[in-house]
Amino acid sequence: MDKTKRKIPLILVIGVLLLGAMLGSLLGELLKMALPDGVVKEVFLRSIDVMLGPAVIDLLMFSVTLGLTLKFNFIGIIGIAVAYYILRFWR
């Protein structure tokens, strides 16, 4: 019996994980407004910023500034994990 697994394209995997991170971060921002100050709010909403840039490209007539900042918090990581779990069974 020959079982063939359907391969999921890499761009779809990256897109779903990014969507999970964005939805988790959105949920984290909503929780930030709803939770009262305390230890629970600190644990779930403490974030780590990963920053790349800014890089400036200066051409004589104009200049372009590029940069990227990723903000990870615990709820965002949970969003990535849920997206991965859903993606595992999407075959």
C-alpha atoms as a PDB file:
ATOM      1  CA  MET A   1       0.000   0.000   0.000  1.00  0.00           C
ATOM      2  CA  ASP A   2       1.574   3.256  -1.140  1.00  0.00           C
ATOM      3  CA  LYS A   3       0.737   6.267   0.975  1.00  0.00           C
ATOM      4  CA  THR A   4       1.709   9.570  -0.546  1.00  0.00           C
ATOM      5  CA  LYS A   5       1.814  12.626   1.646  1.00  0.00           C
ATOM      6  CA  ARG A   6       0.713  15.852   0.116  1.00  0.00           C
ATOM      7  CA  LYS A   7       3.449  18.422   0.637  1.00  0.00           C
ATOM      8  CA  ILE A   8       2.398  21.817   1.907  1.00  0.00           C
ATOM      9  CA  PRO A   9       4.156  24.692   0.117  1.00  0.00           C
ATOM     10  CA  LEU A  10       6.696  26.566   2.235  1.00  0.00           C
ATOM     11  CA  ILE A  11       5.084  29.942   1.517  1.00  0.00           C
ATOM     12  CA  LEU A  12       1.797  28.625   2.939  1.00  0.00           C
ATOM     13  CA  VAL A  13       3.530  27.399   6.102  1.00  0.00           C
ATOM     14  CA  ILE A  14       5.257  30.762   6.602  1.00  0.00           C
ATOM     15  CA  GLY A  15       2.009  32.616   5.882  1.00  0.00           C
ATOM     16  CA  VAL A  16      -0.037  30.561   8.360  1.00  0.00           C
ATOM     17  CA  LEU A  17       2.598  30.917  11.091  1.00  0.00           C
ATOM     18  CA  LEU A  18       2.800  34.670  10.475  1.00  0.00           C
ATOM     19  CA  LEU A  19      -0.993  34.904  10.630  1.00  0.00           C
ATOM     20  CA  GLY A  20      -0.944  33.006  13.930  1.00  0.00           C
ATOM     21  CA  ALA A  21       1.675  35.401  15.305  1.00  0.00           C
ATOM     22  CA  MET A  22      -0.333  38.442  14.207  1.00  0.00           C
ATOM     23  CA  LEU A  23      -3.595  37.114  15.660  1.00  0.00           C
ATOM     24  CA  GLY A  24      -1.808  36.201  18.895  1.00  0.00           C
ATOM     25  CA  SER A  25      -0.322  39.685  19.134  1.00  0.00           C
ATOM     26  CA  LEU A  26      -3.718  41.239  18.465  1.00  0.00           C
ATOM     27  CA  LEU A  27      -5.220  39.097  21.220  1.00  0.00           C
ATOM     28  CA  GLY A  28      -2.358  40.163  23.489  1.00  0.00           C
ATOM     29  CA  GLU A  29      -3.067  43.842  22.840  1.00  0.00           C
ATOM     30  CA  LEU A  30      -6.763  43.286  23.594  1.00  0.00           C
ATOM     31  CA  LEU A  31      -5.837  41.488  26.820  1.00  0.00           C
ATOM     32  CA  LYS A  32      -3.535  44.360  27.745  1.00  0.00           C
ATOM     33  CA  MET A  33      -6.534  46.697  27.757  1.00  0.00           C
ATOM     34  CA  ALA A  34      -8.812  44.237  29.581  1.00  0.00           C
ATOM     35  CA  LEU A  35      -6.580  42.819  32.335  1.00  0.00           C
ATOM     36  CA  PRO A  36      -6.022  44.758  35.550  1.00  0.00           C
ATOM     37  CA  ASP A  37      -2.454  45.587  36.552  1.00  0.00           C
ATOM     38  CA  GLY A  38      -0.714  42.708  38.260  1.00  0.00           C
ATOM     39  CA  VAL A  39       1.508  39.690  37.904  1.00  0.00           C
ATOM     40  CA  VAL A  40      -0.674  37.930  35.322  1.00  0.00           C
ATOM     41  CA  LYS A  41      -0.581  40.946  33.031  1.00  0.00           C
ATOM     42  CA  GLU A  42       3.207  41.184  33.386  1.00  0.00           C
ATOM     43  CA  VAL A  43       3.798  37.499  32.600  1.00  0.00           C
ATOM     44  CA  PHE A  44       1.508  37.220  29.602  1.00  0.00           C
ATOM     45  CA  LEU A  45       2.251  40.574  28.023  1.00  0.00           C
ATOM     46  CA  ARG A  46       5.987  41.090  28.539  1.00  0.00           C
ATOM     47  CA  SER A  47       7.437  41.416  25.071  1.00  0.00           C
ATOM     48  CA  ILE A  48      10.783  41.038  23.363  1.00  0.00           C
ATOM     49  CA  ASP A  49      11.532  43.333  20.427  1.00  0.00           C
ATOM     50  CA  VAL A  50      13.733  42.013  17.631  1.00  0.00           C
ATOM     51  CA  MET A  51      14.827  44.910  15.457  1.00  0.00           C
ATOM     52  CA  LEU A  52      16.582  45.031  12.103  1.00  0.00           C
ATOM     53  CA  GLY A  53      17.608  48.442  10.846  1.00  0.00           C
ATOM     54  CA  PRO A  54      17.057  51.188  10.144  1.00  0.00           C
ATOM     55  CA  ALA A  55      19.020  51.014   6.912  1.00  0.00           C
ATOM     56  CA  VAL A  56      19.256  54.186   4.881  1.00  0.00           C
ATOM     57  CA  ILE A  57      19.749  54.175   1.133  1.00  0.00           C
ATOM     58  CA  ASP A  58      20.730  57.679   0.130  1.00  0.00           C
ATOM     59  CA  LEU A  59      20.475  58.473  -3.545  1.00  0.00           C
ATOM     60  CA  LEU A  60      21.176  62.054  -4.490  1.00  0.00           C
ATOM     61  CA  MET A  61      17.593  62.930  -5.355  1.00  0.00           C
ATOM     62  CA  PHE A  62      15.885  60.969  -2.561  1.00  0.00           C
ATOM     63  CA  SER A  63      16.593  58.621   0.311  1.00  0.00           C
ATOM     64  CA  VAL A  64      14.839  55.494   1.508  1.00  0.00           C
ATOM     65  CA  THR A  65      14.837  54.233   5.084  1.00  0.00           C
ATOM     66  CA  LEU A  66      14.077  50.555   5.684  1.00  0.00           C
ATOM     67  CA  GLY A  67      13.558  48.781   8.977  1.00  0.00           C
ATOM     68  CA  LEU A  68      11.781  45.828  10.545  1.00  0.00           C
ATOM     69  CA  THR A  69      10.706  45.274  14.136  1.00  0.00           C
ATOM     70  CA  LEU A  70       9.188  42.034  15.404  1.00  0.00           C
ATOM     71  CA  LYS A  71       7.496  42.120  18.788  1.00  0.00           C
ATOM     72  CA  PHE A  72       7.084  38.748  20.497  1.00  0.00           C
ATOM     73  CA  ASN A  73       5.043  38.156  23.630  1.00  0.00           C
ATOM     74  CA  PHE A  74       3.758  35.004  25.294  1.00  0.00           C
ATOM     75  CA  ILE A  75       0.317  35.264  23.684  1.00  0.00           C
ATOM     76  CA  GLY A  76       1.952  35.658  20.249  1.00  0.00           C
ATOM     77  CA  ILE A  77       3.961  32.477  20.843  1.00  0.00           C
ATOM     78  CA  ILE A  78       0.734  30.693  21.778  1.00  0.00           C
ATOM     79  CA  GLY A  79      -0.772  31.980  18.501  1.00  0.00           C
ATOM     80  CA  ILE A  80       2.150  30.509  16.552  1.00  0.00           C
ATOM     81  CA  ALA A  81       1.733  27.183  18.366  1.00  0.00           C
ATOM     82  CA  VAL A  82      -2.005  27.055  17.605  1.00  0.00           C
ATOM     83  CA  ALA A  83      -1.348  27.905  13.947  1.00  0.00           C
ATOM     84  CA  TYR A  84       1.270  25.123  13.758  1.00  0.00           C
ATOM     85  CA  TYR A  85      -1.161  22.664  15.360  1.00  0.00           C
ATOM     86  CA  ILE A  86      -3.855  23.562  12.815  1.00  0.00           C
ATOM     87  CA  LEU A  87      -1.332  23.351   9.981  1.00  0.00           C
ATOM     88  CA  ARG A  88      -0.237  19.836  11.019  1.00  0.00           C
ATOM     89  CA  PHE A  89      -3.722  18.468  10.417  1.00  0.00           C
ATOM     90  CA  TRP A  90      -4.282  20.398   7.188  1.00  0.00           C
ATOM     91  CA  ARG A  91      -3.217  17.593   4.847  1.00  0.00           C
END
